Amino acid sequence: MSPEDSEVVKLAQALVRRPSRAGIDDYGPVLAALQDWLGARDLPCRSLYDDEGRPVALLVEVAGGRPGPWWALDACVDTAPYGDEGAWSFPPDCGDVVDGWLRGRGAADSKLAAAMFCRIAADLHARAEELHGGLAVLLDADEHTGAFGGARAYLADGAAVRPAGVMIGYPGPDEVVVGGRGLWRATIAVHAESGHSGSRRTTLGAVSRAARLVQLLEEAELPGAEGEFPLPPKVTVTSCHGGEGFSVVPGLCELGVDVRTTPAFDARAAEHLVRTATAELDRRLPGPTPTDITEVASWPPYRLTGDEQPAAALLDAAAHEGLTVVAKTAGPSNIGNLLAREGIPATAGFGVRYEGLHGTDERACLTDLPKVHDVYRKAVLRLLTAGSTSPHGAADKNLTDSQE
């Protein structure tokens, strides 16, 4: 392992040893560790804040000496919770290295990537004058909440140069995520006449009406995969809350509905499907008031094409390292969907092997680090040097979707 890689591991250990569970821990210690490391290397960085003034990210900015587009590396430094700590075979915040694996919560997702991206920024800072455009490294401390506060603060920051593309450092050495289904989410309030469950008057409660609606949603016809987008849309009822005890016919039941969208079945189509189902429910089984739909979130689907950066640079660099890496359109959404809404292409999901991600005994394989580090460094250098936006054939050849 090179001195640079050893430095990456040392920083990653320090980050794992500072718990940063989303919504549980104070992010101050993990952000301070990053600030100390960056400051010791004279790397320019600044804090980003949410609307309530809370720090949600650090932004490192390395400006090149020549004109050109800016590119960004993004890794989260907050983590999932520990779960059942008694089930772990080592302390979740140990941050030690055993048999070539970095152990602890966040080792895989994504503190090792954050440390690696900091090291790349330091390398480029030393040669910034010869680079075109610039590199931003976003160290996001509000990713696992699902709010993506760090990414949102970055996009809203008037002082930051808008990136031409982003590479997100999720782990896994075999695939680069170049697209993902979008989503349309809503809560649905189903109403009924409340009353006593023992009453002689027959009353269909809100839970029963909601059950009929679930059936209508699950029976709705959806198109298959179409064109170059390899995945079909999907409807899932994710929650159902209504009623209390046994003696009352419930007057309200709320459903959560998640619709995964595609270019051929977008948010408008998703909303139309749900509204059609609720209208059919109200027609067949009228309630005291119409069924209410409240949209919660909507992200567009996206997929990079073979000639789009930064996917071409990343896949090409992996090929030159002798790695077999395939492009993938993911079923779940990620920050790439948020960026797509802003017109910014993004990749995700290339990194080291891992185990226990979001689960027990999380760890990251350090044997993979040297090659992964080289791939990202070469990809970034390609983007920041003259002629970097012209993709090579190797990248185009690899940009075909793996099987889901």
Protein backbone atom coordinates (compact mmCIF):
# COMPACT_ATOMS: atom_id res chain seq x y z
CA MET A 1 0.00 0.00 0.00
CA SER A 2 1.37 3.41 -0.99
CA PRO A 3 1.95 6.21 1.55
CA GLU A 4 -1.05 8.03 0.04
CA ASP A 5 -3.32 4.99 0.54
CA SER A 6 -2.03 4.55 4.09
CA GLU A 7 -2.92 8.17 4.71
CA VAL A 8 -6.43 7.52 3.38
CA VAL A 9 -6.86 4.59 5.75
CA LYS A 10 -5.63 6.61 8.74
CA LEU A 11 -8.12 9.40 8.03
CA ALA A 12 -10.94 6.89 7.47
CA GLN A 13 -10.17 5.29 10.83
CA ALA A 14 -10.41 8.67 12.53
CA LEU A 15 -13.79 9.27 10.89
CA VAL A 16 -15.21 5.86 11.87
CA ARG A 17 -14.13 6.50 15.46
CA ARG A 18 -16.32 9.61 15.52
CA PRO A 19 -19.93 8.33 15.49
CA SER A 20 -22.15 10.29 13.12
CA ARG A 21 -25.40 8.34 12.99
CA ALA A 22 -28.05 10.32 11.12
CA GLY A 23 -30.48 12.00 13.48
CA ILE A 24 -28.69 10.60 16.56
CA ASP A 25 -25.14 11.91 16.89
CA ASP A 26 -23.67 15.41 16.77
CA TYR A 27 -21.88 15.80 13.42
CA GLY A 28 -19.42 18.30 14.90
CA PRO A 29 -16.68 15.78 15.80
CA VAL A 30 -16.57 14.06 12.40
CA LEU A 31 -16.62 17.38 10.55
CA ALA A 32 -13.89 18.72 12.85
CA ALA A 33 -11.67 15.73 12.05
CA LEU A 34 -12.05 16.49 8.35
CA GLN A 35 -11.39 20.20 8.86
CA ASP A 36 -8.22 19.43 10.82
CA TRP A 37 -6.93 17.11 8.09
CA LEU A 38 -7.74 19.54 5.30
CA GLY A 39 -6.36 22.53 7.19
CA ALA A 40 -3.06 20.76 7.83
CA ARG A 41 -2.67 20.51 4.04
CA ASP A 42 -3.80 24.06 3.29
CA LEU A 43 -6.82 22.78 1.39
CA PRO A 44 -9.56 25.41 1.07
CA CYS A 45 -12.80 24.21 2.63
CA ARG A 46 -15.90 25.76 4.16
CA SER A 47 -19.01 24.63 5.98
CA LEU A 48 -22.41 24.48 4.35
CA TYR A 49 -25.59 24.97 6.39
CA ASP A 50 -29.24 24.06 6.09
CA ASP A 51 -32.13 26.54 6.33
CA GLU A 52 -32.03 26.35 10.12
CA GLY A 53 -28.32 27.18 10.30
CA ARG A 54 -27.11 23.67 11.12
CA PRO A 55 -23.88 22.45 9.47
CA VAL A 56 -24.72 19.73 6.94
CA ALA A 57 -21.53 19.44 4.87
CA LEU A 58 -17.99 20.54 4.19
CA LEU A 59 -17.12 21.75 0.71
CA VAL A 60 -13.54 21.52 -0.55
CA GLU A 61 -12.78 23.60 -3.63
CA VAL A 62 -9.64 23.28 -5.76
CA ALA A 63 -9.61 25.86 -8.54
CA GLY A 64 -7.52 25.10 -11.61
CA GLY A 65 -5.29 27.67 -13.24
CA ARG A 66 -6.94 27.36 -16.65
CA PRO A 67 -10.56 27.85 -17.76
CA GLY A 68 -12.89 24.88 -17.93
CA PRO A 69 -15.83 23.14 -16.24
CA TRP A 70 -15.88 22.14 -12.59
CA TRP A 71 -16.47 18.54 -11.48
CA ALA A 72 -17.41 17.18 -8.07
CA LEU A 73 -16.71 14.16 -5.89
CA ASP A 74 -19.34 13.42 -3.26
CA ALA A 75 -19.24 11.11 -0.23
CA CYS A 76 -21.40 11.03 2.88
CA VAL A 77 -19.86 11.17 6.34
CA ASP A 78 -23.05 10.55 8.30
CA THR A 79 -24.10 6.92 8.71
CA ALA A 80 -26.94 4.52 9.34
CA PRO A 81 -27.68 3.66 13.00
CA TYR A 82 -25.94 0.73 14.68
CA GLY A 83 -29.03 -1.43 15.11
CA ASP A 84 -28.60 -4.14 17.74
CA GLU A 85 -25.14 -3.38 19.12
CA GLY A 86 -25.16 -6.71 20.95
CA ALA A 87 -25.18 -8.51 17.60
CA TRP A 88 -21.91 -6.89 16.52
CA SER A 89 -18.72 -8.92 16.97
CA PHE A 90 -16.71 -5.71 17.44
CA PRO A 91 -17.57 -2.18 18.67
CA PRO A 92 -19.40 -0.26 15.90
CA ASP A 93 -17.05 2.71 16.31
CA CYS A 94 -13.79 0.77 16.66
CA GLY A 95 -12.26 1.90 13.35
CA ASP A 96 -9.58 -0.79 13.47
CA VAL A 97 -8.05 -2.80 10.62
CA VAL A 98 -8.18 -6.59 10.87
CA ASP A 99 -7.07 -8.97 8.10
CA GLY A 100 -7.12 -6.15 5.54
CA TRP A 101 -10.61 -4.88 6.41
CA LEU A 102 -11.50 -1.51 7.95
CA ARG A 103 -14.18 -2.21 10.56
CA GLY A 104 -16.98 -0.08 11.94
CA ARG A 105 -20.13 1.81 10.99
CA GLY A 106 -19.44 4.04 8.03
CA ALA A 107 -16.32 2.17 6.91
CA ALA A 108 -18.10 1.18 3.70
CA ASP A 109 -20.79 3.85 3.49
CA SER A 110 -18.94 6.07 2.96
CA LYS A 111 -16.13 7.32 5.21
CA LEU A 112 -13.40 5.47 3.32
CA ALA A 113 -14.56 7.16 0.11
CA ALA A 114 -14.63 10.53 1.87
CA ALA A 115 -11.03 10.05 3.01
CA MET A 116 -9.99 8.96 -0.49
CA PHE A 117 -11.63 12.00 -2.08
CA CYS A 118 -9.83 14.28 0.40
CA ARG A 119 -6.52 12.70 -0.61
CA ILE A 120 -7.33 13.24 -4.31
CA ALA A 121 -8.12 16.89 -3.61
CA ALA A 122 -4.77 17.26 -1.84
CA ASP A 123 -2.94 15.72 -4.81
CA LEU A 124 -4.65 18.06 -7.26
CA HIS A 125 -4.18 21.11 -5.06
CA ALA A 126 -0.41 20.69 -5.47
CA ARG A 127 -0.70 20.87 -9.26
CA ALA A 128 -3.74 23.15 -9.58
CA GLU A 129 -2.14 25.63 -11.98
CA GLU A 130 -2.00 23.08 -14.81
CA LEU A 131 -5.64 22.01 -14.43
CA HIS A 132 -8.69 23.23 -16.32
CA GLY A 133 -11.80 24.27 -14.37
CA GLY A 134 -11.81 22.93 -10.85
CA LEU A 135 -12.69 20.14 -8.44
CA ALA A 136 -15.20 20.29 -5.60
CA VAL A 137 -15.35 17.61 -2.92
CA LEU A 138 -18.64 17.50 -1.05
CA LEU A 139 -18.46 15.79 2.35
CA ASP A 140 -22.16 15.36 3.12
CA ALA A 141 -23.27 15.03 6.75
CA ASP A 142 -27.00 14.86 5.99
CA GLU A 143 -27.40 11.99 3.53
CA HIS A 144 -28.71 9.08 5.58
CA THR A 145 -31.63 11.15 6.83
CA GLY A 146 -32.96 11.04 3.26
CA ALA A 147 -33.05 14.84 3.23
CA PHE A 148 -29.78 15.08 1.27
CA GLY A 149 -29.18 18.34 3.08
CA GLY A 150 -25.51 18.57 2.11
CA ALA A 151 -26.22 18.17 -1.59
CA ARG A 152 -29.09 20.64 -1.43
CA ALA A 153 -26.94 23.20 0.40
CA TYR A 154 -24.21 22.77 -2.22
CA LEU A 155 -26.61 23.35 -5.09
CA ALA A 156 -28.12 26.37 -3.35
CA ASP A 157 -24.77 27.97 -2.49
CA GLY A 158 -24.34 31.04 -4.67
CA ALA A 159 -20.58 31.08 -4.09
CA ALA A 160 -20.05 27.52 -5.39
CA VAL A 161 -19.38 26.89 -9.06
CA ARG A 162 -22.10 24.64 -10.48
CA PRO A 163 -20.50 21.29 -11.38
CA ALA A 164 -20.67 19.82 -14.87
CA GLY A 165 -20.99 16.38 -13.27
CA VAL A 166 -20.68 14.51 -9.98
CA MET A 167 -19.17 11.15 -8.96
CA ILE A 168 -20.72 9.75 -5.76
CA GLY A 169 -18.48 7.39 -3.80
CA TYR A 170 -20.78 4.57 -2.74
CA PRO A 171 -18.97 1.20 -2.34
CA GLY A 172 -18.91 -1.85 -4.62
CA PRO A 173 -16.21 -2.64 -7.26
CA ASP A 174 -18.25 -4.30 -10.00
CA GLU A 175 -20.74 -1.63 -11.08
CA VAL A 176 -21.04 2.06 -11.76
CA VAL A 177 -24.57 3.36 -11.34
CA VAL A 178 -25.31 5.61 -14.32
CA GLY A 179 -29.05 5.97 -13.82
CA GLY A 180 -31.99 5.23 -11.60
CA ARG A 181 -35.73 5.08 -11.52
CA GLY A 182 -37.41 8.21 -10.26
CA LEU A 183 -40.12 8.30 -7.63
CA TRP A 184 -43.47 9.85 -6.86
CA ARG A 185 -44.64 9.49 -3.26
CA ALA A 186 -47.91 10.44 -1.62
CA THR A 187 -49.99 9.91 1.48
CA ILE A 188 -53.63 9.00 0.96
CA ALA A 189 -56.31 9.75 3.56
CA VAL A 190 -59.26 7.35 3.31
CA HIS A 191 -62.39 8.41 5.21
CA ALA A 192 -65.45 6.59 6.58
CA GLU A 193 -68.31 7.08 9.02
CA SER A 194 -67.04 6.33 12.50
CA GLY A 195 -69.14 4.40 14.96
CA HIS A 196 -69.34 1.48 17.40
CA SER A 197 -68.12 -1.83 16.03
CA GLY A 198 -71.03 -3.60 17.71
CA SER A 199 -73.72 -1.39 16.21
CA ARG A 200 -76.58 -3.00 14.26
CA ARG A 201 -75.99 -0.48 11.50
CA THR A 202 -73.53 -1.97 9.03
CA THR A 203 -70.59 0.39 8.60
CA LEU A 204 -67.62 -0.10 6.31
CA GLY A 205 -64.71 1.46 8.18
CA ALA A 206 -61.81 3.45 6.80
CA VAL A 207 -59.39 0.54 7.16
CA SER A 208 -61.68 -1.68 5.09
CA ARG A 209 -62.04 1.03 2.44
CA ALA A 210 -58.27 1.50 2.44
CA ALA A 211 -57.81 -2.25 1.93
CA ARG A 212 -59.94 -2.02 -1.21
CA LEU A 213 -57.81 0.87 -2.42
CA VAL A 214 -54.63 -1.15 -1.86
CA GLN A 215 -56.14 -3.86 -4.04
CA LEU A 216 -56.99 -1.36 -6.79
CA LEU A 217 -53.46 0.03 -6.73
CA GLU A 218 -51.83 -3.38 -6.85
CA GLU A 219 -54.07 -4.46 -9.72
CA ALA A 220 -53.33 -1.37 -11.82
CA GLU A 221 -51.69 -2.13 -15.16
CA LEU A 222 -48.22 -0.71 -15.64
CA PRO A 223 -46.09 -0.60 -18.80
CA GLY A 224 -42.98 -2.74 -19.07
CA ALA A 225 -39.46 -1.52 -19.68
CA GLU A 226 -39.31 0.56 -22.84
CA GLY A 227 -36.55 1.87 -25.10
CA GLU A 228 -33.09 2.31 -23.62
CA PHE A 229 -34.30 2.50 -20.01
CA PRO A 230 -34.00 -1.08 -18.71
CA LEU A 231 -36.43 -1.08 -15.77
CA PRO A 232 -40.25 -0.91 -15.59
CA PRO A 233 -42.24 1.32 -13.21
CA LYS A 234 -43.41 -0.09 -9.89
CA VAL A 235 -46.16 0.73 -7.36
CA THR A 236 -45.78 -0.18 -3.68
CA VAL A 237 -48.07 0.57 -0.73
CA THR A 238 -45.50 1.17 2.00
CA SER A 239 -47.57 2.02 5.06
CA CYS A 240 -51.09 1.75 6.49
CA HIS A 241 -52.20 3.52 9.67
CA GLY A 242 -55.74 3.56 10.99
CA GLY A 243 -57.97 2.59 13.84
CA GLU A 244 -57.47 2.08 17.54
CA GLY A 245 -58.64 -0.66 19.86
CA PHE A 246 -61.58 -2.91 18.96
CA SER A 247 -64.84 -1.15 19.72
CA VAL A 248 -64.63 1.76 17.25
CA VAL A 249 -65.15 1.65 13.50
CA PRO A 250 -62.24 3.79 12.26
CA GLY A 251 -63.10 7.01 10.47
CA LEU A 252 -59.65 7.59 8.99
CA CYS A 253 -56.93 5.40 7.51
CA GLU A 254 -53.77 6.78 5.91
CA LEU A 255 -51.75 4.96 3.27
CA GLY A 256 -48.23 5.65 2.05
CA VAL A 257 -47.68 4.98 -1.65
CA ASP A 258 -44.33 4.83 -3.42
CA VAL A 259 -44.33 4.81 -7.24
CA ARG A 260 -41.01 4.21 -9.02
CA THR A 261 -41.08 6.10 -12.28
CA THR A 262 -39.36 5.81 -15.67
CA PRO A 263 -39.05 8.08 -18.70
CA ALA A 264 -42.09 6.34 -20.21
CA PHE A 265 -44.07 6.49 -16.93
CA ASP A 266 -43.23 9.77 -15.23
CA ALA A 267 -44.53 11.58 -12.14
CA ARG A 268 -47.60 12.84 -14.00
CA ALA A 269 -48.49 9.28 -15.01
CA ALA A 270 -47.91 8.08 -11.44
CA GLU A 271 -50.22 10.72 -10.01
CA HIS A 272 -52.87 9.93 -12.64
CA LEU A 273 -52.73 6.23 -11.74
CA VAL A 274 -53.24 6.94 -8.03
CA ARG A 275 -56.01 9.47 -8.63
CA THR A 276 -57.79 7.06 -10.95
CA ALA A 277 -57.68 4.36 -8.28
CA THR A 278 -59.00 6.67 -5.55
CA ALA A 279 -61.79 7.91 -7.82
CA GLU A 280 -62.77 4.31 -8.51
CA LEU A 281 -62.82 3.59 -4.76
CA ASP A 282 -65.07 6.58 -4.09
CA ARG A 283 -67.37 5.49 -6.92
CA ARG A 284 -67.68 1.87 -5.77
CA LEU A 285 -67.66 2.50 -2.03
CA PRO A 286 -68.63 6.12 -1.35
CA GLY A 287 -67.36 7.67 1.86
CA PRO A 288 -68.48 10.76 3.75
CA THR A 289 -65.77 12.84 2.02
CA PRO A 290 -63.61 12.20 -1.05
CA THR A 291 -60.32 10.42 -0.58
CA ASP A 292 -57.46 12.93 -0.14
CA ILE A 293 -54.07 12.67 -1.84
CA THR A 294 -51.06 14.65 -0.62
CA GLU A 295 -47.87 14.52 -2.68
CA VAL A 296 -44.79 14.04 -0.50
CA ALA A 297 -41.88 13.86 -2.96
CA SER A 298 -41.13 13.62 -6.65
CA TRP A 299 -37.80 12.94 -8.37
CA PRO A 300 -37.25 12.30 -12.07
CA PRO A 301 -35.68 9.13 -13.46
CA TYR A 302 -32.33 9.56 -15.17
CA ARG A 303 -29.79 7.64 -17.20
CA LEU A 304 -26.49 8.78 -18.63
CA THR A 305 -25.73 7.88 -22.24
CA GLY A 306 -22.48 6.41 -23.50
CA ASP A 307 -20.87 9.74 -24.37
CA GLU A 308 -21.76 11.58 -21.13
CA GLN A 309 -19.28 12.54 -18.49
CA PRO A 310 -18.39 11.73 -15.81
CA ALA A 311 -19.45 8.12 -16.52
CA ALA A 312 -17.18 7.82 -19.55
CA ALA A 313 -14.10 8.97 -17.64
CA LEU A 314 -14.78 6.69 -14.66
CA LEU A 315 -15.49 3.57 -16.72
CA ASP A 316 -12.52 4.24 -18.98
CA ALA A 317 -10.19 4.64 -16.00
CA ALA A 318 -11.49 1.37 -14.53
CA ALA A 319 -10.88 -0.42 -17.82
CA HIS A 320 -7.32 0.89 -17.96
CA GLU A 321 -6.77 -0.56 -14.47
CA GLY A 322 -7.86 -3.96 -15.79
CA LEU A 323 -11.14 -3.94 -13.90
CA THR A 324 -14.35 -5.37 -15.32
CA VAL A 325 -16.92 -2.79 -14.34
CA VAL A 326 -20.38 -2.57 -15.87
CA ALA A 327 -22.83 0.30 -15.93
CA LYS A 328 -26.10 -0.13 -14.08
CA THR A 329 -29.45 1.61 -13.92
CA ALA A 330 -30.57 1.22 -10.32
CA GLY A 331 -34.04 0.43 -9.08
CA PRO A 332 -33.73 2.60 -5.94
CA SER A 333 -33.21 6.33 -6.22
CA ASN A 334 -30.09 8.15 -5.03
CA ILE A 335 -28.58 11.63 -4.97
CA GLY A 336 -28.16 11.23 -8.73
CA ASN A 337 -31.93 11.75 -9.09
CA LEU A 338 -31.72 14.99 -7.12
CA LEU A 339 -28.86 16.13 -9.34
CA ALA A 340 -30.73 15.04 -12.49
CA ARG A 341 -33.55 17.38 -11.55
CA GLU A 342 -30.93 20.15 -11.65
CA GLY A 343 -29.59 18.97 -15.02
CA ILE A 344 -26.34 17.64 -13.51
CA PRO A 345 -25.19 14.13 -14.63
CA ALA A 346 -23.95 11.85 -11.86
CA THR A 347 -22.49 8.41 -11.26
CA ALA A 348 -22.67 6.37 -8.07
CA GLY A 349 -21.67 3.05 -6.65
CA PHE A 350 -18.02 2.37 -7.55
CA GLY A 351 -15.75 1.62 -4.61
CA VAL A 352 -14.24 -1.17 -2.52
CA ARG A 353 -15.85 -4.47 -1.58
CA TYR A 354 -17.87 -4.34 1.62
CA GLU A 355 -19.91 -6.35 4.12
CA GLY A 356 -22.60 -5.40 6.62
CA LEU A 357 -23.64 -2.16 4.92
CA HIS A 358 -26.43 -0.65 7.10
CA GLY A 359 -26.33 -3.94 9.01
CA THR A 360 -24.18 -5.77 11.55
CA ASP A 361 -20.35 -5.82 11.44
CA GLU A 362 -19.91 -3.28 8.65
CA ARG A 363 -16.46 -3.38 7.10
CA ALA A 364 -14.63 -2.30 3.94
CA CYS A 365 -11.95 -4.23 2.05
CA LEU A 366 -8.69 -2.28 1.97
CA THR A 367 -7.13 -4.64 -0.58
CA ASP A 368 -9.30 -2.91 -3.19
CA LEU A 369 -8.33 0.60 -2.14
CA PRO A 370 -5.20 1.11 -4.29
CA LYS A 371 -6.98 0.35 -7.56
CA VAL A 372 -10.17 2.19 -6.65
CA HIS A 373 -8.09 5.20 -5.60
CA ASP A 374 -6.17 5.11 -8.90
CA VAL A 375 -9.39 4.85 -10.92
CA TYR A 376 -10.93 7.95 -9.34
CA ARG A 377 -7.69 9.90 -9.50
CA LYS A 378 -7.22 9.12 -13.19
CA ALA A 379 -10.87 9.86 -13.98
CA VAL A 380 -10.66 13.25 -12.28
CA LEU A 381 -7.38 14.09 -14.00
CA ARG A 382 -8.91 13.23 -17.35
CA LEU A 383 -11.81 15.58 -16.68
CA LEU A 384 -9.54 18.39 -15.53
CA THR A 385 -7.02 18.25 -18.38
CA ALA A 386 -7.33 19.54 -21.93
CA GLY A 387 -9.60 17.45 -24.14
CA SER A 388 -11.04 15.66 -21.12
CA THR A 389 -14.64 15.86 -22.29
CA SER A 390 -14.08 13.58 -25.30
CA PRO A 391 -14.86 10.00 -24.15
CA HIS A 392 -12.72 7.06 -25.21
CA GLY A 393 -14.08 3.96 -26.89
CA ALA A 394 -13.37 1.79 -23.86
CA ALA A 395 -15.82 3.77 -21.80
CA ASP A 396 -18.51 3.63 -24.48
CA LYS A 397 -18.06 -0.11 -24.78
CA ASN A 398 -18.60 -0.61 -21.06
CA LEU A 399 -21.67 1.61 -20.80
CA THR A 400 -24.26 -1.16 -21.11
CA ASP A 401 -26.61 -2.08 -18.31
CA SER A 402 -26.01 -5.09 -16.12
CA GLN A 403 -28.93 -7.36 -15.28
CA GLU A 404 -31.06 -6.32 -12.35
